[in-house]
Amino acid sequence: MTEAAIPEPTPEQAALFARVRRMMLIAGATTGLAIAAVLFAVGYRLYRSEPSVTTAATDVTATLPKGAKIVSTAVAGDHLVVTLDVAGATEIRTFDARTLKPAGKLRFVSEP
């Protein structure tokens, strides 16, 4: 059997091959950079995400004034709202739903 001899490329063919190689390197580098950017963005979002409310079990004890009664509770956005009756005066206390830390207090009293 005779082996087929591969002829040497002409200067035009060699220039074309070099150009194709360069374009393939650019395309490969761009693809690698895009994949790295996506992996970085996903990793950043996973690392910086806040813990979910359902996964964090928190035990909090809130103290109420003596003789206070809870009239109602509600959830408004990211806040827990508790309405109290304190010796005839109405008081609304809000708590952050994620951390259960007090966010504010509003007291209603009658004018004398």
C-alpha atoms as a PDB file:
ATOM      1  CA  MET A   1       0.000   0.000   0.000  1.00  0.00           C
ATOM      2  CA  THR A   2       1.132   3.429  -0.734  1.00  0.00           C
ATOM      3  CA  GLU A   3       0.777   6.203   1.720  1.00  0.00           C
ATOM      4  CA  ALA A   4      -0.845   9.361   0.549  1.00  0.00           C
ATOM      5  CA  ALA A   5       1.548  12.219   0.765  1.00  0.00           C
ATOM      6  CA  ILE A   6       0.138  15.383   2.314  1.00  0.00           C
ATOM      7  CA  PRO A   7       1.196  18.307   0.200  1.00  0.00           C
ATOM      8  CA  GLU A   8       2.537  21.418   1.837  1.00  0.00           C
ATOM      9  CA  PRO A   9      -0.088  24.176   2.090  1.00  0.00           C
ATOM     10  CA  THR A  10       0.288  27.168  -0.131  1.00  0.00           C
ATOM     11  CA  PRO A  11       1.010  30.554   1.532  1.00  0.00           C
ATOM     12  CA  GLU A  12      -2.667  31.535   1.098  1.00  0.00           C
ATOM     13  CA  GLN A  13      -3.799  28.298   2.753  1.00  0.00           C
ATOM     14  CA  ALA A  14      -1.310  28.755   5.613  1.00  0.00           C
ATOM     15  CA  ALA A  15      -2.584  32.291   6.196  1.00  0.00           C
ATOM     16  CA  LEU A  16      -6.184  30.990   6.184  1.00  0.00           C
ATOM     17  CA  PHE A  17      -5.301  28.251   8.711  1.00  0.00           C
ATOM     18  CA  ALA A  18      -3.608  30.794  10.988  1.00  0.00           C
ATOM     19  CA  ARG A  19      -6.640  33.080  10.771  1.00  0.00           C
ATOM     20  CA  VAL A  20      -9.037  30.215  11.618  1.00  0.00           C
ATOM     21  CA  ARG A  21      -6.843  29.190  14.580  1.00  0.00           C
ATOM     22  CA  ARG A  22      -6.833  32.772  15.878  1.00  0.00           C
ATOM     23  CA  MET A  23     -10.632  33.031  15.551  1.00  0.00           C
ATOM     24  CA  MET A  24     -11.048  29.686  17.375  1.00  0.00           C
ATOM     25  CA  LEU A  25      -8.799  30.877  20.212  1.00  0.00           C
ATOM     26  CA  ILE A  26     -10.823  34.091  20.542  1.00  0.00           C
ATOM     27  CA  ALA A  27     -14.112  32.151  20.538  1.00  0.00           C
ATOM     28  CA  GLY A  28     -12.781  29.668  23.114  1.00  0.00           C
ATOM     29  CA  ALA A  29     -11.488  32.426  25.389  1.00  0.00           C
ATOM     30  CA  THR A  30     -14.788  34.309  25.160  1.00  0.00           C
ATOM     31  CA  THR A  31     -16.752  31.146  25.996  1.00  0.00           C
ATOM     32  CA  GLY A  32     -14.465  30.384  28.949  1.00  0.00           C
ATOM     33  CA  LEU A  33     -14.820  33.940  30.241  1.00  0.00           C
ATOM     34  CA  ALA A  34     -18.635  33.760  29.950  1.00  0.00           C
ATOM     35  CA  ILE A  35     -18.782  30.450  31.834  1.00  0.00           C
ATOM     36  CA  ALA A  36     -16.511  31.827  34.562  1.00  0.00           C
ATOM     37  CA  ALA A  37     -18.716  34.930  34.905  1.00  0.00           C
ATOM     38  CA  VAL A  38     -21.867  32.813  35.274  1.00  0.00           C
ATOM     39  CA  LEU A  39     -20.241  30.557  37.869  1.00  0.00           C
ATOM     40  CA  PHE A  40     -18.992  33.604  39.777  1.00  0.00           C
ATOM     41  CA  ALA A  41     -22.471  35.179  39.766  1.00  0.00           C
ATOM     42  CA  VAL A  42     -24.126  31.975  41.002  1.00  0.00           C
ATOM     43  CA  GLY A  43     -21.515  31.509  43.725  1.00  0.00           C
ATOM     44  CA  TYR A  44     -21.842  35.126  44.815  1.00  0.00           C
ATOM     45  CA  ARG A  45     -25.645  34.857  45.041  1.00  0.00           C
ATOM     46  CA  LEU A  46     -25.427  31.641  47.065  1.00  0.00           C
ATOM     47  CA  TYR A  47     -22.803  33.059  49.413  1.00  0.00           C
ATOM     48  CA  ARG A  48     -24.560  36.405  49.950  1.00  0.00           C
ATOM     49  CA  SER A  49     -28.147  35.123  50.246  1.00  0.00           C
ATOM     50  CA  GLU A  50     -29.944  35.777  53.508  1.00  0.00           C
ATOM     51  CA  PRO A  51     -31.126  32.799  55.521  1.00  0.00           C
ATOM     52  CA  SER A  52     -34.704  31.916  54.888  1.00  0.00           C
ATOM     53  CA  VAL A  53     -37.305  32.505  57.615  1.00  0.00           C
ATOM     54  CA  THR A  54     -38.493  28.896  57.420  1.00  0.00           C
ATOM     55  CA  THR A  55     -35.027  27.443  58.040  1.00  0.00           C
ATOM     56  CA  ALA A  56     -34.172  29.577  61.076  1.00  0.00           C
ATOM     57  CA  ALA A  57     -36.019  28.531  64.211  1.00  0.00           C
ATOM     58  CA  THR A  58     -35.968  31.387  66.694  1.00  0.00           C
ATOM     59  CA  ASP A  59     -37.321  31.453  70.233  1.00  0.00           C
ATOM     60  CA  VAL A  60     -38.141  34.977  71.371  1.00  0.00           C
ATOM     61  CA  THR A  61     -39.877  36.077  74.546  1.00  0.00           C
ATOM     62  CA  ALA A  62     -41.472  39.511  74.373  1.00  0.00           C
ATOM     63  CA  THR A  63     -42.433  41.134  77.652  1.00  0.00           C
ATOM     64  CA  LEU A  64     -45.735  42.986  77.851  1.00  0.00           C
ATOM     65  CA  PRO A  65     -46.734  45.639  80.350  1.00  0.00           C
ATOM     66  CA  LYS A  66     -48.586  44.371  83.401  1.00  0.00           C
ATOM     67  CA  GLY A  67     -52.282  43.834  82.649  1.00  0.00           C
ATOM     68  CA  ALA A  68     -51.831  44.081  78.874  1.00  0.00           C
ATOM     69  CA  LYS A  69     -53.921  41.913  76.579  1.00  0.00           C
ATOM     70  CA  ILE A  70     -53.176  40.984  72.981  1.00  0.00           C
ATOM     71  CA  VAL A  71     -56.113  42.167  70.888  1.00  0.00           C
ATOM     72  CA  SER A  72     -54.915  41.042  67.445  1.00  0.00           C
ATOM     73  CA  THR A  73     -51.907  40.041  65.406  1.00  0.00           C
ATOM     74  CA  ALA A  74     -51.221  40.476  61.684  1.00  0.00           C
ATOM     75  CA  VAL A  75     -48.448  40.263  59.135  1.00  0.00           C
ATOM     76  CA  ALA A  76     -47.816  43.344  56.992  1.00  0.00           C
ATOM     77  CA  GLY A  77     -45.040  42.909  54.437  1.00  0.00           C
ATOM     78  CA  ASP A  78     -41.876  42.058  56.370  1.00  0.00           C
ATOM     79  CA  HIS A  79     -43.332  43.040  59.738  1.00  0.00           C
ATOM     80  CA  LEU A  80     -45.343  41.297  62.424  1.00  0.00           C
ATOM     81  CA  VAL A  81     -47.936  43.659  63.931  1.00  0.00           C
ATOM     82  CA  VAL A  82     -49.310  43.071  67.445  1.00  0.00           C
ATOM     83  CA  THR A  83     -52.168  45.189  68.815  1.00  0.00           C
ATOM     84  CA  LEU A  84     -52.314  45.435  72.622  1.00  0.00           C
ATOM     85  CA  ASP A  85     -54.857  46.770  75.103  1.00  0.00           C
ATOM     86  CA  VAL A  86     -52.926  48.278  77.997  1.00  0.00           C
ATOM     87  CA  ALA A  87     -55.233  49.543  80.761  1.00  0.00           C
ATOM     88  CA  GLY A  88     -57.753  50.957  78.271  1.00  0.00           C
ATOM     89  CA  ALA A  89     -55.139  52.418  75.906  1.00  0.00           C
ATOM     90  CA  THR A  90     -54.424  50.816  72.552  1.00  0.00           C
ATOM     91  CA  GLU A  91     -50.828  50.141  71.593  1.00  0.00           C
ATOM     92  CA  ILE A  92     -49.451  48.731  68.329  1.00  0.00           C
ATOM     93  CA  ARG A  93     -46.046  47.065  68.337  1.00  0.00           C
ATOM     94  CA  THR A  94     -44.242  45.974  65.173  1.00  0.00           C
ATOM     95  CA  PHE A  95     -41.482  43.400  64.856  1.00  0.00           C
ATOM     96  CA  ASP A  96     -39.235  42.452  61.961  1.00  0.00           C
ATOM     97  CA  ALA A  97     -40.582  39.136  60.631  1.00  0.00           C
ATOM     98  CA  ARG A  98     -37.112  37.709  59.886  1.00  0.00           C
ATOM     99  CA  THR A  99     -35.288  38.562  63.092  1.00  0.00           C
ATOM    100  CA  LEU A 100     -38.259  39.155  65.429  1.00  0.00           C
ATOM    101  CA  LYS A 101     -36.548  42.275  66.758  1.00  0.00           C
ATOM    102  CA  PRO A 102     -38.794  45.202  67.736  1.00  0.00           C
ATOM    103  CA  ALA A 103     -39.245  47.659  64.863  1.00  0.00           C
ATOM    104  CA  GLY A 104     -41.531  50.237  66.405  1.00  0.00           C
ATOM    105  CA  LYS A 105     -44.246  51.126  68.897  1.00  0.00           C
ATOM    106  CA  LEU A 106     -47.352  53.288  68.465  1.00  0.00           C
ATOM    107  CA  ARG A 107     -49.551  54.211  71.439  1.00  0.00           C
ATOM    108  CA  PHE A 108     -53.078  55.608  71.254  1.00  0.00           C
ATOM    109  CA  VAL A 109     -54.532  57.357  74.313  1.00  0.00           C
ATOM    110  CA  SER A 110     -57.730  59.305  74.845  1.00  0.00           C
ATOM    111  CA  GLU A 111     -57.520  63.002  75.553  1.00  0.00           C
ATOM    112  CA  PRO A 112     -58.437  63.919  79.134  1.00  0.00           C
END
